[in-house]
C-alpha atoms as a PDB file:
ATOM      1  CA  UNK A   1     -44.940   8.331  46.007  1.00  0.00           C
ATOM      2  CA  UNK A   2     -47.749   9.163  43.615  1.00  0.00           C
ATOM      3  CA  UNK A   3     -47.040  10.780  40.262  1.00  0.00           C
ATOM      4  CA  UNK A   4     -48.650  14.070  39.498  1.00  0.00           C
ATOM      5  CA  UNK A   5     -50.839  14.473  36.427  1.00  0.00           C
ATOM      6  CA  UNK A   6     -48.254  16.845  34.923  1.00  0.00           C
ATOM      7  CA  UNK A   7     -45.380  14.333  35.117  1.00  0.00           C
ATOM      8  CA  UNK A   8     -47.622  11.588  33.703  1.00  0.00           C
ATOM      9  CA  UNK A   9     -48.595  13.845  30.788  1.00  0.00           C
ATOM     10  CA  UNK A  10     -44.972  14.806  30.139  1.00  0.00           C
ATOM     11  CA  UNK A  11     -43.932  11.157  30.270  1.00  0.00           C
ATOM     12  CA  UNK A  12     -46.638  10.067  27.850  1.00  0.00           C
ATOM     13  CA  UNK A  13     -45.783  12.982  25.528  1.00  0.00           C
ATOM     14  CA  UNK A  14     -42.133  11.907  25.544  1.00  0.00           C
ATOM     15  CA  UNK A  15     -43.138   8.323  24.763  1.00  0.00           C
ATOM     16  CA  UNK A  16     -45.345   9.540  21.892  1.00  0.00           C
ATOM     17  CA  UNK A  17     -42.535  11.679  20.477  1.00  0.00           C
ATOM     18  CA  UNK A  18     -40.023   8.833  20.770  1.00  0.00           C
ATOM     19  CA  UNK A  19     -42.444   6.402  19.115  1.00  0.00           C
ATOM     20  CA  UNK A  20     -43.002   8.822  16.235  1.00  0.00           C
ATOM     21  CA  UNK A  21     -39.281   9.463  15.808  1.00  0.00           C
ATOM     22  CA  UNK A  22     -38.462   5.755  15.737  1.00  0.00           C
ATOM     23  CA  UNK A  23     -41.373   5.001  13.400  1.00  0.00           C
ATOM     24  CA  UNK A  24     -40.751   7.810  10.912  1.00  0.00           C
ATOM     25  CA  UNK A  25     -37.061   8.506  11.485  1.00  0.00           C
ATOM     26  CA  UNK A  26     -35.201  11.777  11.885  1.00  0.00           C
ATOM     27  CA  UNK A  27     -32.208  12.969   9.905  1.00  0.00           C
ATOM     28  CA  UNK A  28     -29.826  15.538  11.333  1.00  0.00           C
ATOM     29  CA  UNK A  29     -27.226  16.849   8.930  1.00  0.00           C
ATOM     30  CA  UNK A  30     -24.492  19.412   9.302  1.00  0.00           C
ATOM     31  CA  UNK A  31     -21.190  20.528   7.876  1.00  0.00           C
ATOM     32  CA  UNK A  32     -18.238  21.951   9.760  1.00  0.00           C
ATOM     33  CA  UNK A  33     -15.651  23.882   7.784  1.00  0.00           C
ATOM     34  CA  UNK A  34     -12.485  25.407   9.182  1.00  0.00           C
ATOM     35  CA  UNK A  35     -10.511  27.809   7.076  1.00  0.00           C
ATOM     36  CA  UNK A  36      -8.163  30.765   7.147  1.00  0.00           C
ATOM     37  CA  UNK A  37      -8.252  33.568   4.581  1.00  0.00           C
ATOM     38  CA  UNK A  38     -10.660  31.734   2.249  1.00  0.00           C
ATOM     39  CA  UNK A  39      -8.513  28.569   2.336  1.00  0.00           C
ATOM     40  CA  UNK A  40     -10.411  25.562   3.617  1.00  0.00           C
ATOM     41  CA  UNK A  41      -8.244  23.551   6.004  1.00  0.00           C
ATOM     42  CA  UNK A  42     -10.763  21.040   7.308  1.00  0.00           C
ATOM     43  CA  UNK A  43     -14.214  19.889   6.241  1.00  0.00           C
ATOM     44  CA  UNK A  44     -16.341  17.491   8.277  1.00  0.00           C
ATOM     45  CA  UNK A  45     -19.734  16.231   7.165  1.00  0.00           C
ATOM     46  CA  UNK A  46     -21.956  14.919   9.916  1.00  0.00           C
ATOM     47  CA  UNK A  47     -25.035  12.836   9.194  1.00  0.00           C
ATOM     48  CA  UNK A  48     -27.112  11.309  11.985  1.00  0.00           C
ATOM     49  CA  UNK A  49     -30.187   9.169  11.458  1.00  0.00           C
ATOM     50  CA  UNK A  50     -32.373   8.162  14.385  1.00  0.00           C
ATOM     51  CA  UNK A  51     -34.861   5.432  13.507  1.00  0.00           C
ATOM     52  CA  UNK A  52     -35.991   1.983  14.555  1.00  0.00           C
ATOM     53  CA  UNK A  53     -34.153  -1.026  13.146  1.00  0.00           C
ATOM     54  CA  UNK A  54     -37.206  -1.920  11.067  1.00  0.00           C
ATOM     55  CA  UNK A  55     -37.415   1.584   9.586  1.00  0.00           C
ATOM     56  CA  UNK A  56     -33.667   1.616   8.894  1.00  0.00           C
ATOM     57  CA  UNK A  57     -33.929  -1.704   7.025  1.00  0.00           C
ATOM     58  CA  UNK A  58     -36.955  -0.382   5.133  1.00  0.00           C
ATOM     59  CA  UNK A  59     -34.895   2.530   3.785  1.00  0.00           C
ATOM     60  CA  UNK A  60     -31.980   0.272   2.904  1.00  0.00           C
ATOM     61  CA  UNK A  61     -29.679   0.737   5.896  1.00  0.00           C
ATOM     62  CA  UNK A  62     -28.383  -2.569   7.252  1.00  0.00           C
ATOM     63  CA  UNK A  63     -24.641  -2.028   7.552  1.00  0.00           C
ATOM     64  CA  UNK A  64     -24.550  -3.402  11.103  1.00  0.00           C
ATOM     65  CA  UNK A  65     -25.481  -6.829   9.729  1.00  0.00           C
ATOM     66  CA  UNK A  66     -22.412  -6.999   7.479  1.00  0.00           C
ATOM     67  CA  UNK A  67     -19.858  -5.134   9.589  1.00  0.00           C
ATOM     68  CA  UNK A  68     -17.410  -7.697  11.023  1.00  0.00           C
ATOM     69  CA  UNK A  69     -16.739  -5.458  14.025  1.00  0.00           C
ATOM     70  CA  UNK A  70     -20.414  -5.486  15.000  1.00  0.00           C
ATOM     71  CA  UNK A  71     -21.648  -8.884  13.857  1.00  0.00           C
ATOM     72  CA  UNK A  72     -20.011 -12.219  14.665  1.00  0.00           C
ATOM     73  CA  UNK A  73     -21.557 -13.923  11.610  1.00  0.00           C
ATOM     74  CA  UNK A  74     -20.103 -11.244   9.352  1.00  0.00           C
ATOM     75  CA  UNK A  75     -16.724 -11.623  11.074  1.00  0.00           C
ATOM     76  CA  UNK A  76     -16.804 -15.389  10.556  1.00  0.00           C
ATOM     77  CA  UNK A  77     -17.795 -14.953   6.910  1.00  0.00           C
ATOM     78  CA  UNK A  78     -14.953 -12.488   6.343  1.00  0.00           C
ATOM     79  CA  UNK A  79     -12.502 -14.850   8.028  1.00  0.00           C
ATOM     80  CA  UNK A  80     -13.658 -17.739   5.822  1.00  0.00           C
ATOM     81  CA  UNK A  81     -13.262 -15.596   2.710  1.00  0.00           C
ATOM     82  CA  UNK A  82      -9.717 -14.690   3.751  1.00  0.00           C
ATOM     83  CA  UNK A  83      -8.882 -18.356   4.357  1.00  0.00           C
ATOM     84  CA  UNK A  84     -10.213 -19.308   0.924  1.00  0.00           C
ATOM     85  CA  UNK A  85      -8.278 -16.502  -0.734  1.00  0.00           C
ATOM     86  CA  UNK A  86      -5.117 -17.547   1.097  1.00  0.00           C
ATOM     87  CA  UNK A  87      -5.597 -21.154  -0.032  1.00  0.00           C
ATOM     88  CA  UNK A  88      -6.046 -20.064  -3.676  1.00  0.00           C
ATOM     89  CA  UNK A  89      -2.936 -17.865  -3.534  1.00  0.00           C
ATOM     90  CA  UNK A  90      -0.856 -20.700  -2.089  1.00  0.00           C
ATOM     91  CA  UNK A  91      -2.022 -23.027  -4.885  1.00  0.00           C
ATOM     92  CA  UNK A  92      -1.116 -20.435  -7.527  1.00  0.00           C
ATOM     93  CA  UNK A  93       2.285 -19.892  -5.943  1.00  0.00           C
ATOM     94  CA  UNK A  94       2.968 -23.647  -5.911  1.00  0.00           C
ATOM     95  CA  UNK A  95       2.060 -23.856  -9.622  1.00  0.00           C
ATOM     96  CA  UNK A  96       4.388 -20.959 -10.465  1.00  0.00           C
ATOM     97  CA  UNK A  97       7.224 -22.454  -8.416  1.00  0.00           C
ATOM     98  CA  UNK A  98       6.640 -25.835 -10.065  1.00  0.00           C
ATOM     99  CA  UNK A  99       6.893 -24.307 -13.542  1.00  0.00           C
ATOM    100  CA  UNK A 100      10.072 -22.450 -12.612  1.00  0.00           C
ATOM    101  CA  UNK A 101      11.701 -25.606 -11.279  1.00  0.00           C
ATOM    102  CA  UNK A 102      10.762 -27.602 -14.411  1.00  0.00           C
ATOM    103  CA  UNK A 103      12.248 -25.015 -16.784  1.00  0.00           C
END
């Protein structure tokens, strides 16, 4: 099956738009507020950024690299920090117990 010139043009236009969006980035922002009689019951702020990983890093967004739920290195680092903290707390507790027993 041969593609028609129209579908090829539409496809290339879509690719151009997607390339521009990923290169420059797009921000979509909105607020949802629910209230009764001028009393706000619920407020939701929605922020969506669509950009390439390189562009996101360029503007200072790199949370996926440090989120332990998304990155195994971050999870391992967090686990090591917790182990170290636990070790320090145990040592402090032993010192306190030792002082109490010697008094």
